[in-house]
Each structure stands twice: as structure tokens, then as C-alpha cells.
Amino acid sequence: MKRANAYVLKQLLTLFGFFALILVLIYWVNRAVSLFDQLIADGQSIFIFLEFTSLTLPWIIQMVTPAAGFAAVVYVIHRLSIDSELVILQTSGRSNCQIATPVWIFALCVTLITLVLYNVLVPISQSRLQQRQTEVAENVTARLLTEGAFLKPNENITFYLKSISNDGQLESVFLNSTIDPKRNVTYSATKAFLVRSDLGPQLVLIDGLVQSLDIKTQRLTVTRFNDFVVNIGRLISPSAEVGL
């Protein structure tokens, strides 16, 4: 009985590992391609790419574990039935509960793996990933602090500032965004400040305008403001938010 249970359990674990590996690779490659394009476009190194993708692995494994476990159980039971091994187990005098014992052990193992991933590994990796995303966004934002030059941190953003005062105040700021293909948005302000927040670096604009041009209708909307906050990290660096 112990040998039969060990045999079925080994089959379940082997197939579970196989299906989990296939699903993780499919999902990981799909995510890694878009992430690679974003990070390389932002001028990041291959080591940043490898770090970000490795930090997403616990979340991906958590997502595919139940599906891989289900596929392993269905495949093994089907193969035992096709090879008449299930019939041999049934004719050996064992009850259905005894035959299902390795399946229940396997289900318990999958549950424990899922719990560890969900409660320990995924929160730790997500916290670290969010921290690194913020650091990368701040590094990209720091490149904008060049006086008297029009800068393009990416193909959709143009940024200009006249000067930086001794207390860190940005004078005469211009920011144009064409991220939305339907709308061209321009921010201008007499002064601005770069501040940190939980959402990444923020650009606080003081006394300025937001000009929004609808590309289709060519209608221009102008809004004046006393103060306005732009998430500059997310705006200039889409890789600062790796969607999971």
C-alpha cells in the first residue's frame, strides 16, 4: 500500500513540476519581453531587468500553482485509468478513500506551497520590487534636472526648466506629454518642486497652465491652476510601474 501511494504521489509531483515550469515560462517570457523593452528604452542595464523579472517570479508561481496542480491530478488519474493501473488498485481490495490518499497528500502539499507564496514570498518580493521601482523612477527623474535644455527622457515626453534656485525650486518649467495618442498635453508653470512620495517622485507645479489638445477635433482646452501635482516618475518612466 505504501509503495502504491508513493508511486502515485511521485507521478503527481513530477507532473506538477512539469506543468508549473511550462506555465511559469510562458507567463514569464510574455511579461519579460514588454518589461525588457521598457527598461532598455529608459536606459537601464540588463542587471536591472534581471532583478525586476526575478522579483516577479514568486507572484507568477503563485498564479500558476493551482492550475498546475489541477492539470497534474487530471493527467495522472487519466493515465492510471488508460494503463489499467487504476483497475488494479481497485481490485486489490482498497477502498476509494485509500486509493485517493496520495491525491489528498498532493493537494495538501500544493496548498502549503500556495500559502507560503501568498503570505510570505509574494509580499516580500512585491515590497522589494516597489522599492526598486521607486529608486529607478527617481534616478530617471534626476536626469531632468538640467538647466536651460529641452530634454526627452523618452519619445513621448519633452521637459524644460530655466533654472534651479539654491533651495531646490525649479523656475519656468515646461512639460509636454504625448503618451495618450488621442491627446497632446502641455504643462507650464512659473515654478515647481520635486518631492518624494509613496507613489514615487512627484512634480508640484505652481501658478501655471494645462493645455490639452484633442488630436481628432483639434480642440484646445486650457486650464489655469495655482498648484498641480504630476507623478513625474510614472510619466517619464512607464517601467516604474510593472503591472502584475
C-alpha atoms as a PDB file:
ATOM      1  CA  MET A   1       0.000   0.000   0.000  1.00  0.00           C
ATOM      2  CA  LYS A   2       2.790   2.408   0.919  1.00  0.00           C
ATOM      3  CA  ARG A   3       4.610   1.584  -2.301  1.00  0.00           C
ATOM      4  CA  ALA A   4       1.488   2.236  -4.391  1.00  0.00           C
ATOM      5  CA  ASN A   5       0.854   5.555  -2.627  1.00  0.00           C
ATOM      6  CA  ALA A   6       4.477   6.598  -3.125  1.00  0.00           C
ATOM      7  CA  TYR A   7       4.246   5.672  -6.815  1.00  0.00           C
ATOM      8  CA  VAL A   8       1.107   7.743  -7.435  1.00  0.00           C
ATOM      9  CA  LEU A   9       2.416  10.655  -5.343  1.00  0.00           C
ATOM     10  CA  LYS A  10       5.692  10.651  -7.281  1.00  0.00           C
ATOM     11  CA  GLN A  11       3.753  10.804 -10.544  1.00  0.00           C
ATOM     12  CA  LEU A  12       1.681  13.712  -9.246  1.00  0.00           C
ATOM     13  CA  LEU A  13       4.685  15.704  -8.061  1.00  0.00           C
ATOM     14  CA  THR A  14       6.617  15.061 -11.271  1.00  0.00           C
ATOM     15  CA  LEU A  15       3.761  16.178 -13.496  1.00  0.00           C
ATOM     16  CA  PHE A  16       3.053  19.133 -11.200  1.00  0.00           C
ATOM     17  CA  GLY A  17       6.643  20.326 -11.561  1.00  0.00           C
ATOM     18  CA  PHE A  18       6.471  19.890 -15.338  1.00  0.00           C
ATOM     19  CA  PHE A  19       3.194  21.784 -15.787  1.00  0.00           C
ATOM     20  CA  ALA A  20       4.257  24.513 -13.347  1.00  0.00           C
ATOM     21  CA  LEU A  21       7.535  25.022 -15.217  1.00  0.00           C
ATOM     22  CA  ILE A  22       5.777  25.266 -18.590  1.00  0.00           C
ATOM     23  CA  LEU A  23       3.166  27.742 -17.310  1.00  0.00           C
ATOM     24  CA  VAL A  24       5.752  29.868 -15.500  1.00  0.00           C
ATOM     25  CA  LEU A  25       7.952  30.035 -18.606  1.00  0.00           C
ATOM     26  CA  ILE A  26       5.035  31.008 -20.848  1.00  0.00           C
ATOM     27  CA  TYR A  27       3.818  33.728 -18.489  1.00  0.00           C
ATOM     28  CA  TRP A  28       7.317  34.932 -17.574  1.00  0.00           C
ATOM     29  CA  VAL A  29       8.500  35.240 -21.180  1.00  0.00           C
ATOM     30  CA  ASN A  30       5.370  37.188 -22.075  1.00  0.00           C
ATOM     31  CA  ARG A  31       5.958  39.631 -19.200  1.00  0.00           C
ATOM     32  CA  ALA A  32       9.714  39.780 -19.658  1.00  0.00           C
ATOM     33  CA  VAL A  33       9.527  40.907 -23.295  1.00  0.00           C
ATOM     34  CA  SER A  34       7.466  44.014 -22.506  1.00  0.00           C
ATOM     35  CA  LEU A  35       9.489  44.734 -19.368  1.00  0.00           C
ATOM     36  CA  PHE A  36      12.741  44.429 -21.311  1.00  0.00           C
ATOM     37  CA  ASP A  37      11.548  46.952 -23.895  1.00  0.00           C
ATOM     38  CA  GLN A  38      10.506  49.433 -21.187  1.00  0.00           C
ATOM     39  CA  LEU A  39      13.689  49.187 -19.146  1.00  0.00           C
ATOM     40  CA  ILE A  40      16.069  49.305 -22.093  1.00  0.00           C
ATOM     41  CA  ALA A  41      14.167  52.282 -23.532  1.00  0.00           C
ATOM     42  CA  ASP A  42      14.702  54.036 -20.193  1.00  0.00           C
ATOM     43  CA  GLY A  43      18.445  53.357 -20.406  1.00  0.00           C
ATOM     44  CA  GLN A  44      18.518  50.736 -17.649  1.00  0.00           C
ATOM     45  CA  SER A  45      21.073  47.930 -17.565  1.00  0.00           C
ATOM     46  CA  ILE A  46      20.449  44.230 -18.106  1.00  0.00           C
ATOM     47  CA  PHE A  47      21.061  43.666 -14.401  1.00  0.00           C
ATOM     48  CA  ILE A  48      18.045  45.846 -13.526  1.00  0.00           C
ATOM     49  CA  PHE A  49      15.981  43.796 -15.975  1.00  0.00           C
ATOM     50  CA  LEU A  50      17.103  40.508 -14.390  1.00  0.00           C
ATOM     51  CA  GLU A  51      16.413  41.856 -10.901  1.00  0.00           C
ATOM     52  CA  PHE A  52      12.901  43.023 -11.803  1.00  0.00           C
ATOM     53  CA  THR A  53      11.975  39.795 -13.556  1.00  0.00           C
ATOM     54  CA  SER A  54      13.298  37.650 -10.691  1.00  0.00           C
ATOM     55  CA  LEU A  55      11.207  39.667  -8.222  1.00  0.00           C
ATOM     56  CA  THR A  56       8.067  38.933 -10.251  1.00  0.00           C
ATOM     57  CA  LEU A  57       8.641  35.161 -10.225  1.00  0.00           C
ATOM     58  CA  PRO A  58       7.006  34.451  -6.809  1.00  0.00           C
ATOM     59  CA  TRP A  59       3.817  36.185  -7.974  1.00  0.00           C
ATOM     60  CA  ILE A  60       3.829  34.256 -11.258  1.00  0.00           C
ATOM     61  CA  ILE A  61       4.416  30.930  -9.472  1.00  0.00           C
ATOM     62  CA  GLN A  62       1.558  31.717  -7.099  1.00  0.00           C
ATOM     63  CA  MET A  63      -0.731  32.320 -10.079  1.00  0.00           C
ATOM     64  CA  VAL A  64       0.103  29.085 -11.914  1.00  0.00           C
ATOM     65  CA  THR A  65       0.339  26.718  -8.907  1.00  0.00           C
ATOM     66  CA  PRO A  66      -3.405  25.851  -8.664  1.00  0.00           C
ATOM     67  CA  ALA A  67      -3.698  25.308 -12.422  1.00  0.00           C
ATOM     68  CA  ALA A  68      -0.559  23.150 -12.489  1.00  0.00           C
ATOM     69  CA  GLY A  69      -1.851  21.088  -9.545  1.00  0.00           C
ATOM     70  CA  PHE A  70      -5.222  20.525 -11.198  1.00  0.00           C
ATOM     71  CA  ALA A  71      -3.616  19.574 -14.517  1.00  0.00           C
ATOM     72  CA  ALA A  72      -1.288  17.096 -12.755  1.00  0.00           C
ATOM     73  CA  VAL A  73      -4.172  15.360 -10.954  1.00  0.00           C
ATOM     74  CA  VAL A  74      -6.284  15.081 -14.106  1.00  0.00           C
ATOM     75  CA  TYR A  75      -3.378  13.789 -16.194  1.00  0.00           C
ATOM     76  CA  VAL A  76      -2.189  11.218 -13.661  1.00  0.00           C
ATOM     77  CA  ILE A  77      -5.672   9.844 -13.000  1.00  0.00           C
ATOM     78  CA  HIS A  78      -6.342   9.656 -16.727  1.00  0.00           C
ATOM     79  CA  ARG A  79      -3.057   7.825 -17.348  1.00  0.00           C
ATOM     80  CA  LEU A  80      -3.689   5.390 -14.471  1.00  0.00           C
ATOM     81  CA  SER A  81      -7.093   4.670 -15.968  1.00  0.00           C
ATOM     82  CA  ILE A  82      -5.757   4.214 -19.529  1.00  0.00           C
ATOM     83  CA  ASP A  83      -2.940   1.916 -18.356  1.00  0.00           C
ATOM     84  CA  SER A  84      -5.404  -0.122 -16.234  1.00  0.00           C
ATOM     85  CA  GLU A  85      -3.356   0.675 -13.121  1.00  0.00           C
ATOM     86  CA  LEU A  86      -6.417   2.224 -11.502  1.00  0.00           C
ATOM     87  CA  VAL A  87      -8.332  -1.006 -12.089  1.00  0.00           C
ATOM     88  CA  ILE A  88      -5.541  -2.985 -10.417  1.00  0.00           C
ATOM     89  CA  LEU A  89      -5.687  -0.711  -7.382  1.00  0.00           C
ATOM     90  CA  GLN A  90      -9.464  -1.102  -7.189  1.00  0.00           C
ATOM     91  CA  THR A  91      -9.312  -4.917  -7.484  1.00  0.00           C
ATOM     92  CA  SER A  92      -6.621  -5.138  -4.799  1.00  0.00           C
ATOM     93  CA  GLY A  93      -9.272  -4.619  -2.158  1.00  0.00           C
ATOM     94  CA  ARG A  94      -8.511  -0.996  -1.445  1.00  0.00           C
ATOM     95  CA  SER A  95     -11.369   1.430  -0.870  1.00  0.00           C
ATOM     96  CA  ASN A  96     -11.814   4.623  -2.861  1.00  0.00           C
ATOM     97  CA  CYS A  97     -10.612   6.641   0.129  1.00  0.00           C
ATOM     98  CA  GLN A  98      -7.409   4.621   0.324  1.00  0.00           C
ATOM     99  CA  ILE A  99      -6.816   4.974  -3.425  1.00  0.00           C
ATOM    100  CA  ALA A 100      -7.319   8.742  -3.130  1.00  0.00           C
ATOM    101  CA  THR A 101      -4.817   9.073  -0.257  1.00  0.00           C
ATOM    102  CA  PRO A 102      -1.856  10.205  -2.429  1.00  0.00           C
ATOM    103  CA  VAL A 103      -4.115  12.719  -4.154  1.00  0.00           C
ATOM    104  CA  TRP A 104      -5.091  14.225  -0.790  1.00  0.00           C
ATOM    105  CA  ILE A 105      -1.427  14.350   0.266  1.00  0.00           C
ATOM    106  CA  PHE A 106      -0.569  16.063  -3.005  1.00  0.00           C
ATOM    107  CA  ALA A 107      -3.414  18.549  -2.542  1.00  0.00           C
ATOM    108  CA  LEU A 108      -2.104  19.351   0.935  1.00  0.00           C
ATOM    109  CA  CYS A 109       1.397  19.955  -0.455  1.00  0.00           C
ATOM    110  CA  VAL A 110       0.054  22.301  -3.141  1.00  0.00           C
ATOM    111  CA  THR A 111      -2.000  24.154  -0.507  1.00  0.00           C
ATOM    112  CA  LEU A 112       1.062  24.624   1.706  1.00  0.00           C
ATOM    113  CA  ILE A 113       3.115  25.885  -1.247  1.00  0.00           C
ATOM    114  CA  THR A 114       0.365  28.350  -2.145  1.00  0.00           C
ATOM    115  CA  LEU A 115       0.068  29.587   1.446  1.00  0.00           C
ATOM    116  CA  VAL A 116       3.822  30.155   1.760  1.00  0.00           C
ATOM    117  CA  LEU A 117       3.893  32.014  -1.554  1.00  0.00           C
ATOM    118  CA  TYR A 118       0.807  34.123  -0.802  1.00  0.00           C
ATOM    119  CA  ASN A 119       1.669  35.045   2.779  1.00  0.00           C
ATOM    120  CA  VAL A 120       5.472  35.191   2.749  1.00  0.00           C
ATOM    121  CA  LEU A 121       7.336  35.186  -0.554  1.00  0.00           C
ATOM    122  CA  VAL A 122       4.983  37.306  -2.674  1.00  0.00           C
ATOM    123  CA  PRO A 123       4.617  40.154  -0.111  1.00  0.00           C
ATOM    124  CA  ILE A 124       8.402  40.271   0.391  1.00  0.00           C
ATOM    125  CA  SER A 125       9.144  40.271  -3.352  1.00  0.00           C
ATOM    126  CA  GLN A 126       6.423  42.839  -4.103  1.00  0.00           C
ATOM    127  CA  SER A 127       7.694  45.148  -1.373  1.00  0.00           C
ATOM    128  CA  ARG A 128      11.223  44.916  -2.715  1.00  0.00           C
ATOM    129  CA  LEU A 129      10.011  45.391  -6.304  1.00  0.00           C
ATOM    130  CA  GLN A 130       8.056  48.510  -5.376  1.00  0.00           C
ATOM    131  CA  GLN A 131      11.124  49.900  -3.592  1.00  0.00           C
ATOM    132  CA  ARG A 132      13.358  49.277  -6.599  1.00  0.00           C
ATOM    133  CA  GLN A 133      10.765  50.750  -8.974  1.00  0.00           C
ATOM    134  CA  THR A 134      10.729  53.933  -6.911  1.00  0.00           C
ATOM    135  CA  GLU A 135      14.531  54.095  -6.912  1.00  0.00           C
ATOM    136  CA  VAL A 136      14.678  53.607 -10.689  1.00  0.00           C
ATOM    137  CA  ALA A 137      11.998  56.281 -11.207  1.00  0.00           C
ATOM    138  CA  GLU A 138      13.954  58.715  -9.030  1.00  0.00           C
ATOM    139  CA  ASN A 139      17.150  58.012 -10.971  1.00  0.00           C
ATOM    140  CA  VAL A 140      15.374  58.702 -14.248  1.00  0.00           C
ATOM    141  CA  THR A 141      13.777  61.845 -12.810  1.00  0.00           C
ATOM    142  CA  ALA A 142      17.172  63.128 -11.636  1.00  0.00           C
ATOM    143  CA  ARG A 143      18.307  63.279 -15.272  1.00  0.00           C
ATOM    144  CA  LEU A 144      15.737  66.011 -15.903  1.00  0.00           C
ATOM    145  CA  LEU A 145      17.462  68.486 -13.574  1.00  0.00           C
ATOM    146  CA  THR A 146      19.426  70.187 -16.346  1.00  0.00           C
ATOM    147  CA  GLU A 147      19.030  73.920 -16.693  1.00  0.00           C
ATOM    148  CA  GLY A 148      18.206  75.622 -19.995  1.00  0.00           C
ATOM    149  CA  ALA A 149      17.883  72.493 -22.150  1.00  0.00           C
ATOM    150  CA  PHE A 150      14.982  70.667 -23.735  1.00  0.00           C
ATOM    151  CA  LEU A 151      15.230  67.036 -22.633  1.00  0.00           C
ATOM    152  CA  LYS A 152      13.436  63.958 -23.940  1.00  0.00           C
ATOM    153  CA  PRO A 153      13.636  61.146 -21.343  1.00  0.00           C
ATOM    154  CA  ASN A 154      11.506  59.107 -23.744  1.00  0.00           C
ATOM    155  CA  GLU A 155       9.877  59.616 -27.136  1.00  0.00           C
ATOM    156  CA  ASN A 156       6.613  60.855 -25.617  1.00  0.00           C
ATOM    157  CA  ILE A 157       7.938  63.406 -23.114  1.00  0.00           C
ATOM    158  CA  THR A 158       9.674  66.766 -23.539  1.00  0.00           C
ATOM    159  CA  PHE A 159      10.860  68.644 -20.448  1.00  0.00           C
ATOM    160  CA  TYR A 160      12.451  72.049 -19.925  1.00  0.00           C
ATOM    161  CA  LEU A 161      13.364  74.190 -16.936  1.00  0.00           C
ATOM    162  CA  LYS A 162      15.002  77.588 -16.973  1.00  0.00           C
ATOM    163  CA  SER A 163      16.976  77.327 -13.745  1.00  0.00           C
ATOM    164  CA  ILE A 164      17.226  75.750 -10.295  1.00  0.00           C
ATOM    165  CA  SER A 165      17.415  78.005  -7.241  1.00  0.00           C
ATOM    166  CA  ASN A 166      19.603  77.322  -4.220  1.00  0.00           C
ATOM    167  CA  ASP A 167      16.619  75.985  -2.244  1.00  0.00           C
ATOM    168  CA  GLY A 168      15.779  73.441  -4.989  1.00  0.00           C
ATOM    169  CA  GLN A 169      12.977  75.414  -6.621  1.00  0.00           C
ATOM    170  CA  LEU A 170      12.598  74.853 -10.373  1.00  0.00           C
ATOM    171  CA  GLU A 171      11.982  78.034 -12.350  1.00  0.00           C
ATOM    172  CA  SER A 172       9.914  78.307 -15.570  1.00  0.00           C
ATOM    173  CA  VAL A 173       9.002  74.657 -16.100  1.00  0.00           C
ATOM    174  CA  PHE A 174       7.628  73.201 -19.351  1.00  0.00           C
ATOM    175  CA  LEU A 175       6.405  69.592 -19.722  1.00  0.00           C
ATOM    176  CA  ASN A 176       4.809  68.142 -22.848  1.00  0.00           C
ATOM    177  CA  SER A 177       3.285  64.643 -22.931  1.00  0.00           C
ATOM    178  CA  THR A 178       2.046  62.679 -25.953  1.00  0.00           C
ATOM    179  CA  ILE A 179       1.641  59.395 -24.100  1.00  0.00           C
ATOM    180  CA  ASP A 180      -2.079  59.416 -24.879  1.00  0.00           C
ATOM    181  CA  PRO A 181      -2.256  59.097 -28.697  1.00  0.00           C
ATOM    182  CA  LYS A 182      -5.601  60.952 -28.690  1.00  0.00           C
ATOM    183  CA  ARG A 183      -4.388  63.940 -26.689  1.00  0.00           C
ATOM    184  CA  ASN A 184      -1.364  66.229 -26.515  1.00  0.00           C
ATOM    185  CA  VAL A 185      -0.970  67.671 -23.011  1.00  0.00           C
ATOM    186  CA  THR A 186       1.341  70.538 -22.090  1.00  0.00           C
ATOM    187  CA  TYR A 187       2.059  71.687 -18.544  1.00  0.00           C
ATOM    188  CA  SER A 188       3.734  75.032 -17.884  1.00  0.00           C
ATOM    189  CA  ALA A 189       4.411  76.729 -14.559  1.00  0.00           C
ATOM    190  CA  THR A 190       6.353  79.671 -13.195  1.00  0.00           C
ATOM    191  CA  LYS A 191       7.937  77.419 -10.592  1.00  0.00           C
ATOM    192  CA  ALA A 192       7.881  73.818  -9.406  1.00  0.00           C
ATOM    193  CA  PHE A 193       9.255  71.428  -6.803  1.00  0.00           C
ATOM    194  CA  LEU A 194      10.298  67.797  -6.951  1.00  0.00           C
ATOM    195  CA  VAL A 195       9.079  65.874  -3.899  1.00  0.00           C
ATOM    196  CA  ARG A 196       9.152  62.237  -2.842  1.00  0.00           C
ATOM    197  CA  SER A 197       6.048  60.227  -2.017  1.00  0.00           C
ATOM    198  CA  ASP A 198       4.928  56.621  -1.621  1.00  0.00           C
ATOM    199  CA  LEU A 199       3.865  56.711  -5.279  1.00  0.00           C
ATOM    200  CA  GLY A 200       7.290  57.852  -6.452  1.00  0.00           C
ATOM    201  CA  PRO A 201       8.702  61.294  -7.331  1.00  0.00           C
ATOM    202  CA  GLN A 202       6.062  63.993  -7.758  1.00  0.00           C
ATOM    203  CA  LEU A 203       6.409  67.265  -9.653  1.00  0.00           C
ATOM    204  CA  VAL A 204       4.447  70.010  -7.870  1.00  0.00           C
ATOM    205  CA  LEU A 205       3.693  72.830 -10.325  1.00  0.00           C
ATOM    206  CA  ILE A 206       2.885  76.317  -9.022  1.00  0.00           C
ATOM    207  CA  ASP A 207       0.965  79.036 -10.944  1.00  0.00           C
ATOM    208  CA  GLY A 208       0.624  77.613 -14.398  1.00  0.00           C
ATOM    209  CA  LEU A 209      -1.466  76.205 -17.235  1.00  0.00           C
ATOM    210  CA  VAL A 210      -2.549  72.817 -18.516  1.00  0.00           C
ATOM    211  CA  GLN A 211      -3.173  72.866 -22.268  1.00  0.00           C
ATOM    212  CA  SER A 212      -4.885  69.767 -23.650  1.00  0.00           C
ATOM    213  CA  LEU A 213      -5.171  69.394 -27.429  1.00  0.00           C
ATOM    214  CA  ASP A 214      -7.639  66.817 -28.799  1.00  0.00           C
ATOM    215  CA  ILE A 215      -5.811  65.338 -31.805  1.00  0.00           C
ATOM    216  CA  LYS A 216      -9.005  64.324 -33.619  1.00  0.00           C
ATOM    217  CA  THR A 217     -11.010  67.529 -33.261  1.00  0.00           C
ATOM    218  CA  GLN A 218      -8.027  69.904 -32.859  1.00  0.00           C
ATOM    219  CA  ARG A 219      -9.847  71.473 -29.929  1.00  0.00           C
ATOM    220  CA  LEU A 220      -7.604  73.086 -27.323  1.00  0.00           C
ATOM    221  CA  THR A 221      -8.657  73.162 -23.665  1.00  0.00           C
ATOM    222  CA  VAL A 222      -6.772  75.490 -21.323  1.00  0.00           C
ATOM    223  CA  THR A 223      -6.950  75.219 -17.528  1.00  0.00           C
ATOM    224  CA  ARG A 224      -5.244  77.579 -15.106  1.00  0.00           C
ATOM    225  CA  PHE A 225      -4.109  76.345 -11.704  1.00  0.00           C
ATOM    226  CA  ASN A 226      -2.498  77.619  -8.544  1.00  0.00           C
ATOM    227  CA  ASP A 227      -0.865  74.278  -7.831  1.00  0.00           C
ATOM    228  CA  PHE A 228      -0.919  70.957  -9.657  1.00  0.00           C
ATOM    229  CA  VAL A 229       0.774  67.618  -8.968  1.00  0.00           C
ATOM    230  CA  VAL A 230       2.167  65.344 -11.685  1.00  0.00           C
ATOM    231  CA  ASN A 231       3.505  61.844 -10.983  1.00  0.00           C
ATOM    232  CA  ILE A 232       6.668  62.532 -12.908  1.00  0.00           C
ATOM    233  CA  GLY A 233       8.215  59.134 -12.176  1.00  0.00           C
ATOM    234  CA  ARG A 234       5.365  57.198 -13.729  1.00  0.00           C
ATOM    235  CA  LEU A 235       5.011  59.701 -16.545  1.00  0.00           C
ATOM    236  CA  ILE A 236       8.594  59.628 -17.826  1.00  0.00           C
ATOM    237  CA  SER A 237       9.305  56.019 -16.864  1.00  0.00           C
ATOM    238  CA  PRO A 238       6.462  53.547 -17.598  1.00  0.00           C
ATOM    239  CA  SER A 239       8.713  50.771 -16.248  1.00  0.00           C
ATOM    240  CA  ALA A 240       8.380  52.379 -12.819  1.00  0.00           C
ATOM    241  CA  GLU A 241       5.070  50.563 -12.592  1.00  0.00           C
ATOM    242  CA  VAL A 242       5.437  46.921 -13.561  1.00  0.00           C
ATOM    243  CA  GLY A 243       1.964  45.646 -13.846  1.00  0.00           C
ATOM    244  CA  LEU A 244       1.347  42.204 -12.114  1.00  0.00           C
END
